[in-house]
Amino acid sequence: MGKTFITLTHLEDFRAAEFVNPGTWLKLRKEPNLYDDESITVYSDKGTRYGYVANSCARVAKGTHSAGYIARDFEEEASCMVRFRLDDLAIAELILNEEEGVTDESEGER
């Protein structure tokens, strides 16, 4: 299976921008809500909400997948590692099995 990349959004809304940098491990959790039944929330390893996986055509960066697309790949929770960062969004690699060869350590929140 090839690498799957996703767009993480609303980092500034949750004041997470300073903690989300290349190499940071994050948790993904399916959390459907009133506005999006495919919503996936992004959390730090300590459980702090950092943002969401983009799910609209306007927010999903070219070459990445939406929350609706990756929702089929895991039951309730998964992990991702940030690869690139731009202002209020980041591009992360979806990690379904932490033994897939990713060895970078997360700086995590301080």
Protein backbone atom coordinates (compact mmCIF):
# COMPACT_ATOMS: atom_id res chain seq x y z
CA MET A 1 0.00 0.00 0.00
CA GLY A 2 1.33 3.45 -0.93
CA LYS A 3 1.48 6.42 1.38
CA THR A 4 -1.74 8.31 2.10
CA PHE A 5 -1.53 12.03 2.81
CA ILE A 6 -4.20 14.17 4.46
CA THR A 7 -4.75 17.89 5.07
CA LEU A 8 -5.09 19.01 8.70
CA THR A 9 -7.09 22.22 9.14
CA HIS A 10 -8.15 24.75 11.79
CA LEU A 11 -4.82 24.60 13.62
CA GLU A 12 -4.98 28.31 14.48
CA ASP A 13 -8.55 27.97 15.78
CA PHE A 14 -7.31 25.59 18.48
CA ARG A 15 -4.01 27.46 19.09
CA ALA A 16 -2.16 24.32 17.99
CA ALA A 17 -0.03 25.90 15.27
CA GLU A 18 3.09 26.16 17.43
CA PHE A 19 2.92 22.45 18.32
CA VAL A 20 2.21 21.01 14.87
CA ASN A 21 5.49 20.77 12.97
CA PRO A 22 7.12 18.26 10.62
CA GLY A 23 7.80 15.06 12.56
CA THR A 24 4.94 15.54 15.05
CA TRP A 25 2.82 12.43 15.73
CA LEU A 26 -0.91 13.11 16.09
CA LYS A 27 -3.98 11.00 16.85
CA LEU A 28 -7.04 10.92 14.60
CA ARG A 29 -10.48 10.09 15.96
CA LYS A 30 -13.76 9.74 14.08
CA GLU A 31 -16.24 12.17 15.65
CA PRO A 32 -19.31 12.70 13.46
CA ASN A 33 -21.21 15.89 14.26
CA LEU A 34 -24.23 17.92 13.17
CA TYR A 35 -22.37 19.42 10.20
CA ASP A 36 -20.25 16.50 8.99
CA ASP A 37 -21.03 12.83 9.56
CA GLU A 38 -17.51 11.94 8.33
CA SER A 39 -15.69 14.33 10.67
CA ILE A 40 -12.26 13.26 11.96
CA THR A 41 -10.76 15.28 14.80
CA VAL A 42 -7.00 15.68 15.28
CA TYR A 43 -5.56 15.35 18.81
CA SER A 44 -2.13 15.60 20.38
CA ASP A 45 -0.69 12.51 22.04
CA LYS A 46 -1.88 14.03 25.35
CA GLY A 47 -5.48 14.39 24.16
CA THR A 48 -5.57 18.11 23.31
CA ARG A 49 -7.76 18.93 20.30
CA TYR A 50 -5.64 20.43 17.51
CA GLY A 51 -7.99 20.61 14.53
CA TYR A 52 -9.67 18.45 11.89
CA VAL A 53 -8.90 16.40 8.81
CA ALA A 54 -10.15 18.49 5.88
CA ASN A 55 -13.31 17.15 4.28
CA SER A 56 -14.43 19.80 1.78
CA CYS A 57 -13.16 20.29 -1.76
CA ALA A 58 -12.12 23.83 -0.86
CA ARG A 59 -9.88 22.72 2.04
CA VAL A 60 -8.35 19.42 0.88
CA ALA A 61 -4.91 20.21 -0.56
CA LYS A 62 -4.11 18.82 -3.99
CA GLY A 63 -2.57 15.36 -3.69
CA THR A 64 -4.12 14.65 -0.28
CA HIS A 65 -7.27 12.79 0.74
CA SER A 66 -10.37 13.93 2.61
CA ALA A 67 -11.70 12.70 5.94
CA GLY A 68 -14.46 10.86 4.10
CA TYR A 69 -11.93 9.03 1.95
CA ILE A 70 -9.71 7.84 4.81
CA ALA A 71 -12.62 7.00 7.13
CA ARG A 72 -12.92 3.63 5.37
CA ASP A 73 -9.35 2.74 6.35
CA PHE A 74 -9.77 2.51 10.14
CA GLU A 75 -12.43 1.78 12.77
CA GLU A 76 -12.34 4.63 15.31
CA GLU A 77 -8.77 5.89 15.74
CA ALA A 78 -5.56 6.15 13.73
CA SER A 79 -2.32 8.11 13.81
CA CYS A 80 -0.60 10.49 11.47
CA MET A 81 2.76 12.20 11.21
CA VAL A 82 3.04 15.79 10.05
CA ARG A 83 5.23 16.10 6.96
CA PHE A 84 4.70 19.76 5.91
CA ARG A 85 3.28 22.87 7.54
CA LEU A 86 1.68 26.00 6.01
CA ASP A 87 -0.01 28.65 8.18
CA ASP A 88 -3.33 27.22 9.40
CA LEU A 89 -2.92 23.81 7.79
CA ALA A 90 -0.52 20.91 7.63
CA ILE A 91 0.00 17.91 5.39
CA ALA A 92 0.34 14.65 7.29
CA GLU A 93 0.94 11.03 6.40
CA LEU A 94 -1.75 8.63 7.59
CA ILE A 95 -0.22 5.86 9.71
CA LEU A 96 -2.50 2.86 10.18
CA ASN A 97 0.19 0.60 11.59
CA GLU A 98 2.97 2.32 13.56
CA GLU A 99 5.35 -0.41 12.41
CA GLU A 100 5.18 0.83 8.79
CA GLY A 101 8.72 2.10 9.01
CA VAL A 102 8.19 5.59 10.40
CA THR A 103 10.75 6.17 13.12
CA ASP A 104 10.74 9.97 13.66
CA GLU A 105 9.92 11.08 17.18
CA SER A 106 7.23 13.63 17.92
CA GLU A 107 8.14 16.84 19.67
CA GLY A 108 4.59 16.90 21.03
CA GLU A 109 3.09 19.65 23.09
CA ARG A 110 5.09 21.25 25.83
